[in-house]
Amino acid sequence: MKAHPPGPSAEDEARVVSLLRGDVEATIGPGHDGAIIEAAARRRRYAEVAAQFGGQYVGDVVDDVQQYFHDARVDTRWPACPHHPNHPLWFSDGWWRCERIDEPIARLGTLSGLNQKSQG
């Protein structure tokens, strides 16, 4: 029987929480740590493989937090696209992207550089 590579580490979990917290605080403000920490812990518990930091685990955590913000109406456009503020950016391959122009906008953890505060 072939052994599975280890799943995401505690360091991976702490890193995604830190980066995502930075993006959330820069765009929505503080007070959302619970949603971020819960998503990271839950996804880590069920993740089977962590090739390197990033990949499916990080994408799943980001997607869960973004979906929570949209569903709970914390901010239905989070994070707002700086080019088209009526739609959110979407996360893939380590980047927040504008799907309308198929362009990477900011790496995870760097939304503060966009200087945006969106209103849900």
Protein backbone atom coordinates (compact mmCIF):
# COMPACT_ATOMS: atom_id res chain seq x y z
CA MET A 1 0.00 0.00 0.00
CA LYS A 2 1.37 3.37 -1.05
CA ALA A 3 1.68 5.97 1.72
CA HIS A 4 0.04 9.35 1.18
CA PRO A 5 2.22 12.43 1.54
CA PRO A 6 1.44 14.29 4.74
CA GLY A 7 -1.37 16.81 4.69
CA PRO A 8 -0.99 20.51 5.35
CA SER A 9 1.11 21.31 8.40
CA ALA A 10 0.28 23.55 11.35
CA GLU A 11 2.63 26.07 9.72
CA ASP A 12 0.61 25.90 6.48
CA GLU A 13 -2.55 26.53 8.47
CA ALA A 14 -1.04 29.48 10.35
CA ARG A 15 0.29 30.97 7.12
CA VAL A 16 -3.02 30.83 5.24
CA VAL A 17 -4.81 32.29 8.28
CA SER A 18 -2.29 35.14 8.45
CA LEU A 19 -2.42 35.95 4.72
CA LEU A 20 -6.19 35.73 4.49
CA ARG A 21 -6.62 37.77 7.69
CA GLY A 22 -4.50 40.50 6.09
CA ASP A 23 -6.72 40.56 3.01
CA VAL A 24 -9.92 40.57 5.05
CA GLU A 25 -8.75 43.32 7.41
CA ALA A 26 -7.57 45.46 4.47
CA THR A 27 -10.89 45.19 2.65
CA ILE A 28 -13.66 44.58 5.20
CA GLY A 29 -11.98 45.34 8.50
CA PRO A 30 -11.19 43.35 11.64
CA GLY A 31 -13.49 40.99 13.48
CA HIS A 32 -13.67 38.04 11.11
CA ASP A 33 -10.92 35.85 12.55
CA GLY A 34 -13.39 33.17 13.64
CA ALA A 35 -14.53 32.43 10.08
CA ILE A 36 -10.95 32.32 8.81
CA ILE A 37 -9.58 30.14 11.61
CA GLU A 38 -12.53 27.74 11.43
CA ALA A 39 -12.21 27.29 7.65
CA ALA A 40 -8.45 26.71 7.86
CA ALA A 41 -8.77 24.17 10.68
CA ARG A 42 -11.67 22.30 9.05
CA ARG A 43 -10.01 22.12 5.65
CA ARG A 44 -6.71 21.00 7.19
CA ARG A 45 -8.46 18.22 9.07
CA TYR A 46 -9.78 16.77 5.81
CA ALA A 47 -6.93 17.63 3.42
CA GLU A 48 -4.91 14.62 2.39
CA VAL A 49 -2.03 16.10 0.45
CA ALA A 50 0.06 19.25 0.71
CA ALA A 51 2.60 19.29 -2.09
CA GLN A 52 3.86 22.74 -1.15
CA PHE A 53 2.21 25.74 0.41
CA GLY A 54 -0.67 26.68 -1.79
CA GLY A 55 -2.54 24.27 -3.95
CA GLN A 56 -5.90 22.82 -3.12
CA TYR A 57 -5.77 23.42 0.64
CA VAL A 58 -5.21 27.17 0.40
CA GLY A 59 -7.73 27.52 -2.41
CA ASP A 60 -10.35 25.63 -0.41
CA VAL A 61 -9.81 27.80 2.68
CA VAL A 62 -10.05 31.01 0.65
CA ASP A 63 -13.14 29.75 -1.20
CA ASP A 64 -14.86 28.79 2.07
CA VAL A 65 -14.22 32.20 3.64
CA GLN A 66 -15.30 34.04 0.50
CA GLN A 67 -18.46 31.93 0.25
CA TYR A 68 -19.23 32.62 3.92
CA PHE A 69 -18.91 36.40 3.37
CA HIS A 70 -21.20 36.20 0.35
CA ASP A 71 -23.82 33.87 1.91
CA ALA A 72 -23.92 35.68 5.26
CA ARG A 73 -24.09 39.00 3.41
CA VAL A 74 -21.03 40.29 5.24
CA ASP A 75 -19.98 41.59 1.81
CA THR A 76 -21.51 40.06 -1.33
CA ARG A 77 -18.73 41.42 -3.55
CA TRP A 78 -15.77 40.45 -1.39
CA PRO A 79 -13.14 41.19 -2.41
CA ALA A 80 -14.34 43.81 -4.86
CA CYS A 81 -12.49 44.03 -8.15
CA PRO A 82 -10.60 47.35 -8.36
CA HIS A 83 -11.45 47.58 -12.09
CA HIS A 84 -15.10 46.56 -11.80
CA PRO A 85 -16.27 47.13 -8.20
CA ASN A 86 -19.65 45.49 -8.81
CA HIS A 87 -18.13 42.02 -8.91
CA PRO A 88 -15.69 40.15 -6.70
CA LEU A 89 -12.23 38.95 -7.50
CA TRP A 90 -11.88 35.16 -7.53
CA PHE A 91 -8.93 33.22 -6.12
CA SER A 92 -6.85 30.72 -8.07
CA ASP A 93 -3.22 29.64 -8.20
CA GLY A 94 -2.23 31.97 -5.35
CA TRP A 95 -3.76 35.08 -6.94
CA TRP A 96 -6.90 37.15 -6.62
CA ARG A 97 -8.05 37.53 -10.23
CA CYS A 98 -10.49 39.57 -12.25
CA GLU A 99 -12.25 37.00 -14.41
CA ARG A 100 -13.74 39.68 -16.65
CA ILE A 101 -10.32 40.68 -17.99
CA ASP A 102 -8.60 37.39 -17.09
CA GLU A 103 -5.92 39.19 -15.13
CA PRO A 104 -4.19 38.50 -11.81
CA ILE A 105 -4.71 41.46 -9.48
CA ALA A 106 -2.99 40.62 -6.18
CA ARG A 107 -1.31 37.68 -4.48
CA LEU A 108 -2.99 36.26 -1.40
CA GLY A 109 -2.17 38.55 1.53
CA THR A 110 -1.54 41.66 -0.57
CA LEU A 111 -5.00 43.17 -1.05
CA SER A 112 -3.97 46.00 1.27
CA GLY A 113 -1.98 47.40 -1.64
CA LEU A 114 -5.21 47.91 -3.59
CA ASN A 115 -6.42 50.40 -0.98
CA GLN A 116 -10.04 49.32 -1.18
CA LYS A 117 -12.83 49.23 1.37
CA SER A 118 -15.92 47.62 -0.10
CA GLN A 119 -19.42 47.94 1.23
CA GLY A 120 -21.55 44.77 1.09
